[in-house]
N, C-alpha and C. Protein backbone atom coordinates (compact mmCIF):
# COMPACT_ATOMS: atom_id res chain seq x y z
N MET A 1 50.60 91.16 45.75
CA MET A 1 50.41 92.60 45.81
C MET A 1 49.35 93.04 44.81
N ILE A 2 49.35 92.45 43.61
CA ILE A 2 48.36 92.81 42.60
C ILE A 2 46.96 92.41 43.05
N GLU A 3 46.85 91.23 43.67
CA GLU A 3 45.55 90.78 44.17
C GLU A 3 45.03 91.72 45.25
N GLN A 4 45.92 92.17 46.13
CA GLN A 4 45.50 93.10 47.18
C GLN A 4 45.03 94.42 46.57
N ARG A 5 45.74 94.89 45.57
CA ARG A 5 45.36 96.13 44.91
C ARG A 5 43.99 96.00 44.23
N GLN A 6 43.74 94.86 43.58
CA GLN A 6 42.44 94.63 42.95
C GLN A 6 41.33 94.59 44.00
N GLU A 7 41.61 93.95 45.12
CA GLU A 7 40.63 93.89 46.20
C GLU A 7 40.34 95.29 46.74
N LEU A 8 41.37 96.09 46.93
CA LEU A 8 41.17 97.45 47.42
C LEU A 8 40.41 98.30 46.41
N ASN A 9 40.67 98.08 45.13
CA ASN A 9 39.91 98.79 44.10
C ASN A 9 38.43 98.43 44.15
N ARG A 10 38.12 97.15 44.41
CA ARG A 10 36.71 96.72 44.54
C ARG A 10 36.06 97.39 45.75
N VAL A 11 36.80 97.46 46.86
CA VAL A 11 36.27 98.12 48.07
C VAL A 11 36.02 99.59 47.77
N ALA A 12 36.95 100.23 47.07
CA ALA A 12 36.77 101.64 46.70
C ALA A 12 35.55 101.81 45.81
N GLY A 13 35.35 100.88 44.88
CA GLY A 13 34.18 100.93 44.01
C GLY A 13 32.88 100.80 44.79
N TYR A 14 32.89 99.93 45.79
CA TYR A 14 31.72 99.74 46.67
C TYR A 14 31.37 101.06 47.36
N PHE A 15 32.38 101.72 47.93
CA PHE A 15 32.11 102.98 48.61
C PHE A 15 31.78 104.11 47.64
N LYS A 16 32.30 104.03 46.44
CA LYS A 16 31.95 105.02 45.42
C LYS A 16 30.45 104.94 45.10
N VAL A 17 29.94 103.73 45.00
CA VAL A 17 28.50 103.55 44.76
C VAL A 17 27.70 104.13 45.92
N LEU A 18 28.21 103.97 47.13
CA LEU A 18 27.52 104.49 48.31
C LEU A 18 27.67 106.00 48.48
N SER A 19 28.47 106.64 47.64
CA SER A 19 28.73 108.07 47.80
C SER A 19 27.66 108.96 47.17
N ASP A 20 26.63 108.38 46.59
CA ASP A 20 25.58 109.15 45.94
C ASP A 20 24.35 109.25 46.85
N CYS A 21 23.89 110.46 47.07
CA CYS A 21 22.76 110.69 47.98
C CYS A 21 21.49 109.98 47.52
N SER A 22 21.22 109.96 46.24
CA SER A 22 20.01 109.28 45.74
C SER A 22 20.06 107.78 46.05
N ARG A 23 21.22 107.20 45.89
CA ARG A 23 21.35 105.77 46.19
C ARG A 23 21.21 105.51 47.69
N ILE A 24 21.76 106.39 48.51
CA ILE A 24 21.61 106.24 49.96
C ILE A 24 20.14 106.37 50.35
N ARG A 25 19.43 107.29 49.74
CA ARG A 25 18.00 107.45 50.03
C ARG A 25 17.23 106.18 49.67
N ILE A 26 17.55 105.60 48.52
CA ILE A 26 16.90 104.36 48.11
C ILE A 26 17.22 103.24 49.10
N LEU A 27 18.48 103.08 49.43
CA LEU A 27 18.87 102.03 50.37
C LEU A 27 18.23 102.22 51.74
N THR A 28 18.10 103.45 52.18
CA THR A 28 17.48 103.72 53.48
C THR A 28 16.03 103.26 53.49
N LEU A 29 15.31 103.52 52.41
CA LEU A 29 13.93 103.01 52.32
C LEU A 29 13.91 101.49 52.31
N LEU A 30 14.84 100.90 51.58
CA LEU A 30 14.86 99.45 51.45
C LEU A 30 15.30 98.74 52.73
N LEU A 31 15.85 99.48 53.69
CA LEU A 31 16.20 98.87 54.97
C LEU A 31 14.97 98.34 55.70
N ASN A 32 13.82 98.98 55.46
CA ASN A 32 12.61 98.65 56.20
C ASN A 32 11.65 97.74 55.46
N ASP A 33 11.74 97.71 54.14
CA ASP A 33 10.76 96.94 53.36
C ASP A 33 11.27 96.80 51.93
N GLU A 34 10.56 96.04 51.13
CA GLU A 34 10.88 95.96 49.71
C GLU A 34 9.93 96.88 48.96
N TYR A 35 10.40 97.41 47.85
CA TYR A 35 9.63 98.36 47.06
C TYR A 35 9.80 98.06 45.58
N CYS A 36 8.80 98.44 44.80
CA CYS A 36 8.94 98.43 43.35
C CYS A 36 9.39 99.83 42.92
N VAL A 37 9.79 99.95 41.67
CA VAL A 37 10.29 101.23 41.15
C VAL A 37 9.26 102.33 41.32
N ASN A 38 8.00 102.05 41.00
CA ASN A 38 6.96 103.08 41.10
C ASN A 38 6.84 103.61 42.52
N ASP A 39 6.86 102.72 43.51
CA ASP A 39 6.74 103.15 44.90
C ASP A 39 7.96 103.93 45.36
N LEU A 40 9.13 103.47 44.96
CA LEU A 40 10.35 104.21 45.30
C LEU A 40 10.33 105.61 44.70
N ALA A 41 9.94 105.70 43.44
CA ALA A 41 9.87 107.00 42.77
C ALA A 41 8.91 107.94 43.49
N ALA A 42 7.75 107.42 43.89
CA ALA A 42 6.76 108.24 44.58
C ALA A 42 7.28 108.69 45.96
N CYS A 43 7.88 107.79 46.70
CA CYS A 43 8.40 108.12 48.03
C CYS A 43 9.53 109.14 47.98
N LEU A 44 10.35 109.06 46.95
CA LEU A 44 11.55 109.89 46.87
C LEU A 44 11.37 111.14 46.02
N GLY A 45 10.24 111.25 45.32
CA GLY A 45 10.03 112.39 44.44
C GLY A 45 10.99 112.38 43.26
N MET A 46 11.30 111.19 42.77
CA MET A 46 12.20 111.03 41.63
C MET A 46 11.42 110.42 40.47
N SER A 47 11.94 110.55 39.28
CA SER A 47 11.31 109.90 38.13
C SER A 47 11.59 108.40 38.19
N LYS A 48 10.73 107.63 37.55
CA LYS A 48 10.93 106.18 37.51
C LYS A 48 12.23 105.82 36.81
N SER A 49 12.55 106.55 35.76
CA SER A 49 13.79 106.25 35.04
C SER A 49 15.02 106.56 35.91
N ALA A 50 14.96 107.62 36.71
CA ALA A 50 16.09 107.94 37.60
C ALA A 50 16.26 106.86 38.66
N VAL A 51 15.14 106.39 39.22
CA VAL A 51 15.20 105.32 40.22
C VAL A 51 15.74 104.04 39.59
N SER A 52 15.25 103.70 38.41
CA SER A 52 15.73 102.50 37.72
C SER A 52 17.22 102.57 37.46
N HIS A 53 17.70 103.73 37.06
CA HIS A 53 19.12 103.92 36.81
C HIS A 53 19.93 103.67 38.09
N GLN A 54 19.48 104.24 39.20
CA GLN A 54 20.19 104.06 40.46
C GLN A 54 20.14 102.61 40.94
N LEU A 55 19.01 101.96 40.75
CA LEU A 55 18.88 100.56 41.14
C LEU A 55 19.82 99.67 40.32
N ARG A 56 19.98 99.99 39.05
CA ARG A 56 20.90 99.24 38.19
C ARG A 56 22.33 99.33 38.74
N ILE A 57 22.72 100.51 39.19
CA ILE A 57 24.05 100.69 39.78
C ILE A 57 24.16 99.91 41.09
N LEU A 58 23.13 99.99 41.92
CA LEU A 58 23.13 99.26 43.19
C LEU A 58 23.20 97.75 42.98
N ARG A 59 22.50 97.28 41.97
CA ARG A 59 22.55 95.84 41.65
C ARG A 59 23.93 95.43 41.15
N SER A 60 24.60 96.31 40.42
CA SER A 60 25.92 95.98 39.89
C SER A 60 26.93 95.71 41.01
N GLU A 61 26.74 96.31 42.17
CA GLU A 61 27.61 96.08 43.32
C GLU A 61 26.99 95.13 44.34
N CYS A 62 25.90 94.47 43.94
CA CYS A 62 25.21 93.49 44.79
C CYS A 62 24.72 94.09 46.10
N LEU A 63 24.32 95.36 46.06
CA LEU A 63 23.78 96.01 47.26
C LEU A 63 22.28 95.78 47.39
N VAL A 64 21.61 95.53 46.27
CA VAL A 64 20.18 95.21 46.30
C VAL A 64 19.94 93.95 45.48
N LYS A 65 18.84 93.30 45.80
CA LYS A 65 18.41 92.13 45.03
C LYS A 65 16.97 92.39 44.60
N SER A 66 16.49 91.60 43.67
CA SER A 66 15.14 91.82 43.16
C SER A 66 14.43 90.50 42.95
N HIS A 67 13.10 90.60 42.92
CA HIS A 67 12.28 89.45 42.54
C HIS A 67 11.02 89.98 41.89
N ARG A 68 10.49 89.19 40.99
CA ARG A 68 9.32 89.59 40.20
C ARG A 68 8.05 89.01 40.81
N VAL A 69 7.02 89.87 40.87
CA VAL A 69 5.68 89.45 41.25
C VAL A 69 4.76 89.96 40.15
N GLY A 70 4.31 89.06 39.30
CA GLY A 70 3.51 89.47 38.14
C GLY A 70 4.38 90.33 37.23
N LYS A 71 3.91 91.54 36.95
CA LYS A 71 4.66 92.44 36.07
C LYS A 71 5.60 93.37 36.83
N GLN A 72 5.49 93.38 38.16
CA GLN A 72 6.32 94.28 38.95
C GLN A 72 7.56 93.58 39.49
N VAL A 73 8.64 94.35 39.59
CA VAL A 73 9.88 93.87 40.17
C VAL A 73 10.06 94.60 41.50
N PHE A 74 10.28 93.83 42.55
CA PHE A 74 10.47 94.39 43.88
C PHE A 74 11.93 94.28 44.28
N TYR A 75 12.41 95.33 44.93
CA TYR A 75 13.81 95.41 45.33
C TYR A 75 13.91 95.41 46.85
N SER A 76 15.01 94.84 47.33
CA SER A 76 15.30 94.83 48.76
C SER A 76 16.81 94.83 48.95
N ILE A 77 17.23 95.08 50.18
CA ILE A 77 18.66 95.03 50.52
C ILE A 77 19.15 93.60 50.30
N SER A 78 20.33 93.45 49.74
CA SER A 78 20.80 92.12 49.36
C SER A 78 21.21 91.25 50.55
N ASP A 79 21.79 91.85 51.59
CA ASP A 79 22.20 91.03 52.73
C ASP A 79 22.46 91.91 53.95
N THR A 80 22.77 91.28 55.06
CA THR A 80 22.96 92.03 56.31
C THR A 80 24.20 92.91 56.27
N TYR A 81 25.18 92.58 55.44
CA TYR A 81 26.38 93.41 55.36
C TYR A 81 26.05 94.81 54.85
N VAL A 82 25.15 94.90 53.90
CA VAL A 82 24.74 96.21 53.39
C VAL A 82 24.03 96.99 54.49
N GLN A 83 23.15 96.34 55.20
CA GLN A 83 22.44 96.97 56.32
C GLN A 83 23.44 97.44 57.38
N GLU A 84 24.40 96.62 57.72
CA GLU A 84 25.40 96.98 58.72
C GLU A 84 26.26 98.16 58.27
N THR A 85 26.61 98.19 56.99
CA THR A 85 27.41 99.30 56.45
C THR A 85 26.64 100.61 56.57
N LEU A 86 25.37 100.60 56.18
CA LEU A 86 24.56 101.82 56.26
C LEU A 86 24.35 102.25 57.70
N THR A 87 24.07 101.30 58.57
CA THR A 87 23.84 101.61 59.98
C THR A 87 25.11 102.17 60.62
N ALA A 88 26.24 101.55 60.33
CA ALA A 88 27.51 102.02 60.89
C ALA A 88 27.85 103.42 60.37
N GLY A 89 27.61 103.65 59.09
CA GLY A 89 27.86 104.99 58.52
C GLY A 89 27.00 106.05 59.18
N LYS A 90 25.74 105.73 59.38
CA LYS A 90 24.83 106.69 60.02
C LYS A 90 25.25 106.96 61.46
N LYS A 91 25.61 105.92 62.18
CA LYS A 91 26.05 106.09 63.57
C LYS A 91 27.31 106.95 63.64
N HIS A 92 28.22 106.72 62.72
CA HIS A 92 29.46 107.50 62.69
C HIS A 92 29.15 108.98 62.46
N ILE A 93 28.32 109.26 61.46
CA ILE A 93 27.99 110.65 61.14
C ILE A 93 27.26 111.32 62.30
N LEU A 94 26.30 110.63 62.89
CA LEU A 94 25.57 111.20 64.03
C LEU A 94 26.50 111.45 65.21
N ARG A 95 27.40 110.54 65.43
CA ARG A 95 28.32 110.69 66.56
C ARG A 95 29.23 111.89 66.39
N TYR A 96 29.75 112.08 65.20
CA TYR A 96 30.74 113.13 64.99
C TYR A 96 30.17 114.45 64.47
N PHE A 97 28.97 114.41 63.90
CA PHE A 97 28.45 115.63 63.29
C PHE A 97 27.04 115.98 63.69
N GLY A 98 26.43 115.23 64.58
CA GLY A 98 25.07 115.59 64.94
C GLY A 98 24.49 114.70 66.00
N GLY A 99 24.76 115.00 67.23
CA GLY A 99 24.13 114.27 68.30
C GLY A 99 25.05 113.40 69.12
N GLY A 100 26.28 113.18 68.64
CA GLY A 100 27.23 112.39 69.43
C GLY A 100 27.72 113.17 70.62
N SER A 101 27.84 112.52 71.75
CA SER A 101 28.23 113.23 72.96
C SER A 101 29.73 113.44 73.07
N ASN A 102 30.52 112.50 72.53
CA ASN A 102 31.95 112.61 72.68
C ASN A 102 32.65 112.14 71.42
N ARG A 103 33.31 113.03 70.75
CA ARG A 103 33.99 112.68 69.49
C ARG A 103 35.22 111.82 69.72
N ASN A 104 35.76 111.80 70.89
CA ASN A 104 37.02 111.10 71.14
C ASN A 104 36.88 109.77 71.84
N GLU A 105 35.68 109.24 71.95
CA GLU A 105 35.50 107.94 72.62
C GLU A 105 36.11 106.83 71.82
């Protein structure tokens, strides 16, 4: 029972990280390509320090991975599970709150 509770707490933590709009915006960009902090900041209209802060949180939950090229660090989605989670969330929202034809399917 304790192990199940710890597992559920980890799942809750995962979704808590996904509950921030700035982090969702970053992840949405990273679905299509990898970016460095400077490029993410420019695309999102955020400061570099704000983007770095959000990336640190995303890395803590293994939602993004990074690699260095020279002096720049590039970030990308860590695996297909993150992509599937974002895609499923978007489909759910569109279905029930914007564009879905039948809420009861």
